[in-house]
Protein backbone atom coordinates (compact mmCIF):
# COMPACT_ATOMS: atom_id res chain seq x y z
CA UNK A 1 26.18 -21.53 1.45
CA UNK A 2 22.75 -19.94 1.87
CA UNK A 3 23.88 -16.92 -0.12
CA UNK A 4 25.08 -19.16 -2.99
CA UNK A 5 21.80 -21.12 -3.06
CA UNK A 6 19.81 -17.89 -2.91
CA UNK A 7 21.71 -16.55 -5.90
CA UNK A 8 21.15 -19.76 -7.87
CA UNK A 9 17.40 -19.68 -7.18
CA UNK A 10 17.20 -16.01 -8.09
CA UNK A 11 19.01 -16.47 -11.41
CA UNK A 12 16.78 -19.43 -12.27
CA UNK A 13 13.63 -17.41 -11.53
CA UNK A 14 14.79 -14.43 -13.58
CA UNK A 15 15.68 -16.67 -16.53
CA UNK A 16 12.30 -18.42 -16.41
CA UNK A 17 10.54 -15.05 -16.10
CA UNK A 18 12.14 -13.83 -19.30
CA UNK A 19 11.15 -17.09 -21.03
CA UNK A 20 7.52 -16.65 -20.05
CA UNK A 21 7.40 -12.97 -20.97
CA UNK A 22 8.86 -13.78 -24.37
CA UNK A 23 6.08 -16.35 -24.93
CA UNK A 24 3.51 -13.79 -23.73
CA UNK A 25 4.90 -10.99 -25.85
CA UNK A 26 1.48 -9.36 -26.32
CA UNK A 27 0.83 -9.07 -22.57
CA UNK A 28 1.19 -5.54 -21.19
CA UNK A 29 3.13 -4.90 -18.00
CA UNK A 30 1.85 -2.29 -15.54
CA UNK A 31 4.30 -1.30 -12.80
CA UNK A 32 3.04 0.36 -9.60
CA UNK A 33 5.32 2.16 -7.15
CA UNK A 34 5.13 4.74 -4.38
CA UNK A 35 5.92 4.97 -0.68
CA UNK A 36 2.32 4.39 0.43
CA UNK A 37 -0.88 2.99 -1.03
CA UNK A 38 0.62 0.94 -3.84
CA UNK A 39 -0.93 -2.36 -2.73
CA UNK A 40 -4.39 -0.77 -2.64
CA UNK A 41 -3.79 0.73 -6.10
CA UNK A 42 -2.57 -2.61 -7.46
CA UNK A 43 -5.53 -4.52 -6.03
CA UNK A 44 -8.07 -1.93 -7.21
CA UNK A 45 -6.59 -1.96 -10.72
CA UNK A 46 -6.80 -5.76 -10.77
CA UNK A 47 -10.46 -5.53 -9.71
CA UNK A 48 -11.23 -3.17 -12.59
CA UNK A 49 -9.25 -4.88 -15.35
CA UNK A 50 -10.12 -8.49 -14.54
CA UNK A 51 -13.77 -7.76 -15.35
CA UNK A 52 -12.69 -7.42 -19.00
CA UNK A 53 -9.26 -9.04 -19.39
CA UNK A 54 -7.06 -11.89 -18.19
CA UNK A 55 -4.91 -10.41 -15.41
CA UNK A 56 -2.09 -11.59 -13.15
CA UNK A 57 -1.06 -9.42 -10.17
CA UNK A 58 1.22 -9.80 -7.14
CA UNK A 59 -0.19 -11.86 -4.31
CA UNK A 60 -0.12 -9.87 -1.08
CA UNK A 61 3.13 -7.88 -1.29
CA UNK A 62 5.26 -10.00 -3.62
CA UNK A 63 6.99 -6.81 -4.76
CA UNK A 64 10.72 -7.59 -4.44
CA UNK A 65 13.37 -9.00 -6.78
CA UNK A 66 12.07 -12.47 -5.81
CA UNK A 67 8.40 -11.53 -5.65
CA UNK A 68 8.18 -10.18 -9.22
CA UNK A 69 9.46 -13.37 -10.92
CA UNK A 70 7.28 -15.51 -8.65
CA UNK A 71 4.25 -13.41 -9.62
CA UNK A 72 4.90 -13.66 -13.35
CA UNK A 73 5.59 -17.38 -13.08
CA UNK A 74 2.54 -17.94 -10.83
CA UNK A 75 4.67 -19.73 -8.25
CA UNK A 76 5.05 -19.44 -4.49
CA UNK A 77 8.06 -18.75 -2.30
CA UNK A 78 9.76 -21.67 -0.61
CA UNK A 79 10.79 -19.56 2.39
CA UNK A 80 13.47 -21.51 4.29
CA UNK A 81 12.61 -24.93 2.82
CA UNK A 82 14.91 -26.20 0.01
CA UNK A 83 12.33 -28.89 -0.85
CA UNK A 84 9.58 -26.29 -1.26
CA UNK A 85 11.86 -24.20 -3.46
CA UNK A 86 12.56 -27.21 -5.68
CA UNK A 87 8.84 -27.92 -6.05
CA UNK A 88 8.02 -24.29 -6.77
CA UNK A 89 10.82 -23.88 -9.31
CA UNK A 90 9.51 -26.95 -11.16
CA UNK A 91 6.07 -25.32 -11.24
CA UNK A 92 7.65 -22.08 -12.44
CA UNK A 93 9.48 -23.97 -15.18
CA UNK A 94 6.26 -25.57 -16.38
CA UNK A 95 4.49 -22.21 -16.51
CA UNK A 96 7.41 -20.60 -18.31
CA UNK A 97 7.67 -23.22 -21.07
CA UNK A 98 4.32 -24.98 -21.34
CA UNK A 99 1.45 -22.98 -19.84
CA UNK A 100 -1.13 -21.96 -22.46
CA UNK A 101 -2.87 -19.50 -20.18
CA UNK A 102 -3.78 -16.25 -21.90
CA UNK A 103 -2.54 -13.15 -20.08
CA UNK A 104 -3.49 -9.64 -21.17
CA UNK A 105 -1.95 -7.70 -18.28
CA UNK A 106 0.60 -8.22 -15.54
CA UNK A 107 0.01 -5.73 -12.71
CA UNK A 108 3.21 -5.58 -10.68
CA UNK A 109 3.67 -3.74 -7.43
CA UNK A 110 7.34 -2.72 -7.36
CA UNK A 111 8.74 -1.95 -3.91
CA UNK A 112 12.15 -0.51 -3.05
CA UNK A 113 13.98 -0.43 0.30
CA UNK A 114 17.36 0.92 -0.81
CA UNK A 115 19.35 2.38 -3.69
CA UNK A 116 19.58 -0.08 -6.60
CA UNK A 117 16.33 -1.95 -5.95
CA UNK A 118 14.27 -0.35 -8.75
CA UNK A 119 17.12 -0.76 -11.19
CA UNK A 120 17.16 -4.46 -10.36
CA UNK A 121 13.38 -4.76 -10.76
CA UNK A 122 13.28 -2.97 -14.12
CA UNK A 123 16.10 -5.21 -15.32
CA UNK A 124 13.71 -8.13 -14.77
CA UNK A 125 10.60 -6.47 -16.23
CA UNK A 126 10.28 -3.28 -18.27
CA UNK A 127 6.79 -1.79 -17.82
CA UNK A 128 4.53 -0.54 -20.60
CA UNK A 129 2.67 1.61 -18.06
CA UNK A 130 4.17 3.03 -14.85
CA UNK A 131 2.18 4.40 -11.90
CA UNK A 132 4.20 6.55 -9.48
CA UNK A 133 2.00 7.67 -6.58
CA UNK A 134 4.09 9.41 -3.93
CA UNK A 135 7.30 9.82 -1.95
CA UNK A 136 6.91 9.59 1.84
CA UNK A 137 9.32 9.27 4.80
CA UNK A 138 9.82 5.49 4.86
CA UNK A 139 12.88 3.20 4.54
CA UNK A 140 15.22 5.81 6.06
CA UNK A 141 17.17 3.58 8.43
CA UNK A 142 20.94 3.05 8.05
CA UNK A 143 21.61 0.92 4.98
CA UNK A 144 18.44 2.15 3.29
CA UNK A 145 17.87 5.67 1.91
CA UNK A 146 19.68 8.75 3.23
CA UNK A 147 16.80 11.12 2.50
CA UNK A 148 13.56 11.54 0.52
CA UNK A 149 15.40 12.77 -2.55
CA UNK A 150 17.14 9.40 -2.75
CA UNK A 151 13.77 7.67 -2.43
CA UNK A 152 12.47 9.77 -5.34
CA UNK A 153 15.52 9.14 -7.53
CA UNK A 154 15.26 5.38 -7.05
CA UNK A 155 11.51 5.13 -7.60
CA UNK A 156 11.62 7.46 -10.64
CA UNK A 157 13.64 4.81 -12.47
CA UNK A 158 10.34 3.01 -13.15
CA UNK A 159 9.38 5.90 -15.45
CA UNK A 160 12.82 6.38 -17.00
CA UNK A 161 12.97 2.67 -17.87
CA UNK A 162 9.54 2.44 -19.51
CA UNK A 163 9.28 0.64 -22.83
CA UNK A 164 9.12 2.68 -26.01
CA UNK A 165 5.74 4.47 -26.35
CA UNK A 166 5.00 3.73 -22.71
CA UNK A 167 2.70 5.68 -20.39
CA UNK A 168 3.73 7.39 -17.13
CA UNK A 169 0.89 8.05 -14.66
CA UNK A 170 2.19 10.38 -11.94
CA UNK A 171 0.88 12.25 -8.91
CA UNK A 172 1.29 15.96 -9.65
CA UNK A 173 0.22 16.89 -6.11
CA UNK A 174 3.45 15.34 -4.82
CA UNK A 175 6.25 17.92 -5.07
CA UNK A 176 8.93 15.33 -5.76
CA UNK A 177 7.00 13.09 -8.13
CA UNK A 178 5.92 16.00 -10.32
CA UNK A 179 9.61 16.78 -10.95
CA UNK A 180 9.39 14.05 -13.58
CA UNK A 181 7.71 16.66 -15.79
CA UNK A 182 11.18 18.24 -16.07
CA UNK A 183 12.25 15.29 -18.23
CA UNK A 184 8.88 14.76 -19.93
CA UNK A 185 10.02 16.34 -23.19
CA UNK A 186 13.25 14.32 -23.25
CA UNK A 187 11.45 11.02 -22.61
CA UNK A 188 8.81 11.86 -25.21
CA UNK A 189 11.38 12.70 -27.87
CA UNK A 190 13.60 9.70 -27.14
CA UNK A 191 11.00 7.00 -26.38
CA UNK A 192 7.55 8.46 -27.13
CA UNK A 193 6.57 8.37 -23.45
CA UNK A 194 3.11 9.79 -22.69
CA UNK A 195 2.54 11.51 -19.33
CA UNK A 196 -0.76 11.59 -17.44
CA UNK A 197 -0.83 13.68 -14.27
CA UNK A 198 -3.40 13.02 -11.54
CA UNK A 199 -4.32 14.78 -8.31
CA UNK A 200 -6.81 17.08 -6.63
CA UNK A 201 -5.39 20.10 -8.44
CA UNK A 202 -7.73 20.99 -11.29
CA UNK A 203 -4.72 21.55 -13.54
CA UNK A 204 -4.03 17.80 -13.43
CA UNK A 205 -5.14 15.96 -16.57
CA UNK A 206 -7.17 13.64 -14.32
CA UNK A 207 -8.44 15.20 -11.12
CA UNK A 208 -11.01 14.59 -8.39
CA UNK A 209 -13.69 16.96 -7.16
CA UNK A 210 -16.27 16.85 -4.33
CA UNK A 211 -14.33 14.35 -2.23
CA UNK A 212 -16.34 13.11 0.77
CA UNK A 213 -15.97 10.36 3.37
CA UNK A 214 -18.46 8.54 5.62
CA UNK A 215 -18.53 5.20 7.42
CA UNK A 216 -19.75 3.77 4.10
CA UNK A 217 -16.57 4.86 2.29
CA UNK A 218 -15.43 7.69 0.04
CA UNK A 219 -17.10 9.38 -2.91
CA UNK A 220 -15.70 11.76 -5.51
CA UNK A 221 -16.16 12.96 -9.06
CA UNK A 222 -13.35 12.11 -11.49
CA UNK A 223 -12.73 14.57 -14.33
CA UNK A 224 -10.61 13.65 -17.37
CA UNK A 225 -10.94 16.22 -20.16
CA UNK A 226 -14.62 16.12 -21.18
CA UNK A 227 -15.24 12.91 -19.22
CA UNK A 228 -16.86 13.04 -15.77
CA UNK A 229 -18.13 10.26 -13.51
CA UNK A 230 -19.17 9.83 -9.89
CA UNK A 231 -17.22 7.23 -7.92
CA UNK A 232 -18.21 5.55 -4.66
CA UNK A 233 -15.66 3.20 -3.10
CA UNK A 234 -16.20 1.29 0.16
CA UNK A 235 -12.94 2.35 1.84
CA UNK A 236 -12.38 4.91 4.59
CA UNK A 237 -10.22 8.00 4.19
CA UNK A 238 -10.13 10.81 1.63
CA UNK A 239 -6.40 10.11 1.19
CA UNK A 240 -7.35 6.98 -0.75
CA UNK A 241 -8.45 9.12 -3.69
CA UNK A 242 -4.75 9.07 -4.59
CA UNK A 243 -4.96 5.27 -4.83
CA UNK A 244 -7.93 5.29 -7.21
CA UNK A 245 -7.13 8.18 -9.56
CA UNK A 246 -4.18 6.29 -11.14
CA UNK A 247 -6.43 3.23 -11.45
CA UNK A 248 -8.91 5.30 -13.44
CA UNK A 249 -6.16 6.78 -15.64
CA UNK A 250 -4.63 3.36 -16.31
CA UNK A 251 -7.97 1.68 -17.04
CA UNK A 252 -8.85 4.45 -19.50
CA UNK A 253 -5.51 3.86 -21.24
CA UNK A 254 -6.41 0.18 -21.43
CA UNK A 255 -9.61 1.02 -23.32
CA UNK A 256 -12.28 0.95 -20.61
CA UNK A 257 -15.08 3.46 -20.16
CA UNK A 258 -15.27 5.73 -17.12
CA UNK A 259 -18.68 4.42 -16.02
CA UNK A 260 -17.50 0.80 -16.24
CA UNK A 261 -14.52 1.66 -14.04
CA UNK A 262 -16.82 3.32 -11.50
CA UNK A 263 -19.08 0.27 -11.44
CA UNK A 264 -16.17 -2.08 -10.69
CA UNK A 265 -14.81 0.10 -7.89
CA UNK A 266 -18.19 0.05 -6.12
CA UNK A 267 -17.38 -3.53 -5.15
CA UNK A 268 -13.71 -3.11 -4.34
CA UNK A 269 -12.65 -4.68 -1.06
CA UNK A 270 -9.43 -3.16 0.33
CA UNK A 271 -6.62 -5.48 1.43
CA UNK A 272 -6.59 -6.36 5.16
CA UNK A 273 -5.13 -3.79 7.50
CA UNK A 274 -5.83 -0.78 5.26
CA UNK A 275 -8.52 1.26 7.04
CA UNK A 276 -10.97 -1.67 7.10
CA UNK A 277 -14.05 -1.48 9.31
CA UNK A 278 -14.34 -4.41 11.72
CA UNK A 279 -17.01 -5.07 14.35
CA UNK A 280 -15.45 -4.80 17.81
CA UNK A 281 -16.42 -6.09 21.23
CA UNK A 282 -19.10 -4.36 23.30
CA UNK A 283 -20.68 -2.71 20.25
CA UNK A 284 -17.54 -0.84 19.23
CA UNK A 285 -16.17 -0.27 15.72
CA UNK A 286 -12.52 -0.86 14.81
CA UNK A 287 -10.81 0.97 11.94
CA UNK A 288 -8.08 -1.57 11.21
CA UNK A 289 -5.04 0.11 9.67
CA UNK A 290 -2.55 -2.27 11.25
CA UNK A 291 -0.71 -3.27 8.08
CA UNK A 292 1.82 -0.43 8.25
CA UNK A 293 2.29 3.19 9.24
CA UNK A 294 4.09 6.30 8.03
CA UNK A 295 3.73 9.82 9.46
CA UNK A 296 1.55 11.28 6.71
CA UNK A 297 -0.64 8.20 6.43
CA UNK A 298 -1.14 8.14 10.20
CA UNK A 299 -2.15 11.80 10.33
CA UNK A 300 -4.54 11.24 7.41
CA UNK A 301 -6.07 8.29 9.27
CA UNK A 302 -6.52 10.45 12.38
CA UNK A 303 -8.29 13.07 10.29
CA UNK A 304 -10.61 10.39 8.94
CA UNK A 305 -11.48 9.26 12.45
CA UNK A 306 -12.05 12.87 13.52
CA UNK A 307 -14.53 13.45 10.68
CA UNK A 308 -16.63 10.37 11.46
CA UNK A 309 -19.88 11.16 13.25
CA UNK A 310 -21.71 9.03 15.79
CA UNK A 311 -18.87 7.93 18.05
CA UNK A 312 -19.09 8.37 21.81
CA UNK A 313 -15.29 8.20 22.14
CA UNK A 314 -12.51 8.11 19.60
CA UNK A 315 -9.64 5.89 20.69
CA UNK A 316 -6.28 5.92 18.91
CA UNK A 317 -4.22 2.73 19.26
CA UNK A 318 -0.77 3.62 17.97
CA UNK A 319 2.32 1.48 17.42
CA UNK A 320 5.86 2.46 16.47
CA UNK A 321 6.41 3.75 12.93
CA UNK A 322 9.51 1.90 11.70
CA UNK A 323 12.33 2.83 9.30
CA UNK A 324 12.22 6.60 9.81
CA UNK A 325 15.92 7.05 10.53
CA UNK A 326 17.35 9.74 12.77
CA UNK A 327 14.21 11.89 12.46
CA UNK A 328 12.02 9.16 13.97
CA UNK A 329 11.44 10.94 17.34
CA UNK A 330 10.31 14.13 15.58
CA UNK A 331 7.94 12.24 13.29
CA UNK A 332 6.40 10.51 16.30
CA UNK A 333 6.03 13.83 18.12
CA UNK A 334 4.21 15.21 15.08
CA UNK A 335 1.73 12.34 15.25
CA UNK A 336 1.31 12.81 18.99
CA UNK A 337 0.55 16.52 18.62
CA UNK A 338 -2.09 15.71 16.01
CA UNK A 339 -3.59 12.92 18.11
CA UNK A 340 -4.19 15.41 20.92
CA UNK A 341 -6.55 17.28 18.58
CA UNK A 342 -8.39 14.23 17.23
CA UNK A 343 -8.52 11.46 19.85
CA UNK A 344 -10.23 11.17 23.25
CA UNK A 345 -7.98 8.31 24.39
CA UNK A 346 -4.57 7.16 23.13
CA UNK A 347 -2.97 3.74 23.67
CA UNK A 348 0.72 3.57 22.71
CA UNK A 349 2.60 0.37 21.87
CA UNK A 350 6.41 0.58 21.74
CA UNK A 351 9.13 3.03 22.70
CA UNK A 352 8.69 5.44 19.78
CA UNK A 353 4.91 5.39 20.19
CA UNK A 354 5.54 6.38 23.83
CA UNK A 355 7.23 9.55 22.53
CA UNK A 356 4.05 10.30 20.58
CA UNK A 357 1.88 9.73 23.65
CA UNK A 358 4.01 12.02 25.78
CA UNK A 359 3.78 14.69 23.08
CA UNK A 360 0.01 14.31 23.03
CA UNK A 361 -0.13 15.12 26.75
CA UNK A 362 2.05 18.18 26.12
CA UNK A 363 -0.54 19.32 23.59
CA UNK A 364 -3.61 19.03 25.78
CA UNK A 365 -4.61 15.35 26.00
CA UNK A 366 -5.15 14.48 29.66
CA UNK A 367 -2.44 12.19 31.05
CA UNK A 368 -5.13 9.86 32.41
CA UNK A 369 -6.29 9.30 28.82
CA UNK A 370 -2.92 8.05 27.54
CA UNK A 371 -1.61 4.53 28.15
CA UNK A 372 1.78 2.97 27.42
CA UNK A 373 2.27 -0.72 26.64
CA UNK A 374 5.13 -3.04 25.74
CA UNK A 375 3.20 -5.14 23.22
CA UNK A 376 -0.01 -5.34 21.23
CA UNK A 377 -1.38 -8.16 23.40
CA UNK A 378 -0.71 -6.31 26.66
CA UNK A 379 -2.51 -3.27 25.24
CA UNK A 380 -5.41 -5.50 24.16
CA UNK A 381 -5.86 -6.94 27.65
CA UNK A 382 -6.14 -3.41 29.03
CA UNK A 383 -8.50 -2.32 26.25
CA UNK A 384 -10.99 -5.15 26.89
CA UNK A 385 -12.13 -3.39 30.07
CA UNK A 386 -11.99 0.04 28.44
CA UNK A 387 -14.07 -0.40 25.30
CA UNK A 388 -17.72 0.65 25.40
CA UNK A 389 -20.64 0.71 23.01
CA UNK A 390 -20.27 3.17 20.11
CA UNK A 391 -16.53 3.68 20.66
CA UNK A 392 -14.47 3.98 17.48
CA UNK A 393 -10.92 2.62 17.62
CA UNK A 394 -8.30 3.58 15.03
CA UNK A 395 -5.50 1.00 15.10
CA UNK A 396 -2.32 1.94 13.25
CA UNK A 397 1.34 0.92 13.44
CA UNK A 398 4.21 -0.67 11.53
CA UNK A 399 4.71 -4.41 11.24
CA UNK A 400 8.10 -5.42 12.66
CA UNK A 401 8.00 -5.85 16.46
CA UNK A 402 4.63 -4.03 16.60
CA UNK A 403 2.06 -6.34 14.97
CA UNK A 404 -1.11 -4.46 15.97
CA UNK A 405 -3.22 -6.98 14.04
CA UNK A 406 -2.84 -9.03 17.24
CA UNK A 407 -4.55 -6.20 19.14
CA UNK A 408 -7.37 -6.15 16.58
CA UNK A 409 -7.86 -9.91 16.77
CA UNK A 410 -8.17 -9.74 20.55
CA UNK A 411 -10.81 -6.97 20.32
CA UNK A 412 -12.83 -8.37 17.40
CA UNK A 413 -16.44 -9.31 18.06
CA UNK A 414 -15.86 -12.33 15.81
CA UNK A 415 -12.20 -13.43 16.12
CA UNK A 416 -13.04 -16.57 14.15
CA UNK A 417 -12.98 -14.31 11.07
CA UNK A 418 -9.38 -13.21 11.68
CA UNK A 419 -7.93 -15.29 8.83
CA UNK A 420 -10.32 -13.58 6.43
CA UNK A 421 -10.19 -10.02 7.75
CA UNK A 422 -6.72 -9.40 9.21
CA UNK A 423 -3.26 -9.02 7.73
CA UNK A 424 -0.35 -11.38 8.46
CA UNK A 425 -2.40 -14.41 9.52
CA UNK A 426 -0.34 -16.98 7.60
CA UNK A 427 1.57 -19.64 9.56
CA UNK A 428 4.92 -18.13 8.59
CA UNK A 429 3.89 -14.82 10.18
CA UNK A 430 2.65 -16.50 13.36
CA UNK A 431 6.21 -17.67 14.03
CA UNK A 432 7.58 -14.13 13.82
CA UNK A 433 7.60 -11.78 16.80
């Protein structure tokens, strides 16, 4: 019965979405995909464009076959409540048929967990501009993707299904993503698709130079043909340059000037749980990256912590990285080996994180400096007596059955700000383990 009702709701939302898009035929659709960083890219692009245009973007991570219609219709999910779904569908119907709101751009984060997901999403909405950032080892559990090539093939559909005369903005530093250049000529001849490559490689049409990171954030110079501008963004980690370069490329395509884009990004506030700085107890500083974790992103976060000056001790609080398939132990060992080179203390939450901690001790981190815990809250109780003034804590892990935002909340100097600063603070999340 639930499956039948779910299908009815889904079909109604898709129908209403197409009604609204037909009424807003001049609105441009920007699709954003990639294994990591797409929410930051989506939010940064919204920050830049909404200074000049009317923009609608996904709330939080409404990036699924249900989330996209709800975003376009400016409605909320009903979760497990049939009454809420009825109310929200009525709102969606009103917005589809009667809303007079002007919309210049829809910015849609488009997530995929398995083969067929992107095809379903592009059947609902066909982007005018597609941003494809990267392919990383995520969603590799049974029933998801078999390997990274499958991840690439599925995500690349966003580019192949662009509207006529669309724009593809792709990361040419990613070996898989740049394979799209192999079909560039075909897509240009058939549909007039324009390609813009971005990266740190100077051969990219848009590239970054002089990338630096401090506790104040990152800075870099963006170069696009004869255009150059200095960017300063209050977010930690040089890896985030790959989130902002496609924003710059897209905003330029939308008619903005480079200096205006730089000015907007000065005031960008990253989503909760994405390398945010939070004041910790006892004069410590927490780097909160508790939203999610993948091997490459975790190693990049460790490198960021390593490069930060002024810390007495650097403490790595690490939770399981989920959905890595059969290679999960090896990925965790890789993180553990890197942690041994970058952290003074390591606190591990979960069975796979324990593998990382054990690997860290095999690579030189003293056994007395590594702790193993069954949950985020148990680790937090231990950490309360450990944390000292001028310690820096990097907190990173996946969401399901890890939930390291609970650790952060317990170690915050001002836990009353948790709803504002931390991820997954909604009532629905509080009921989930």
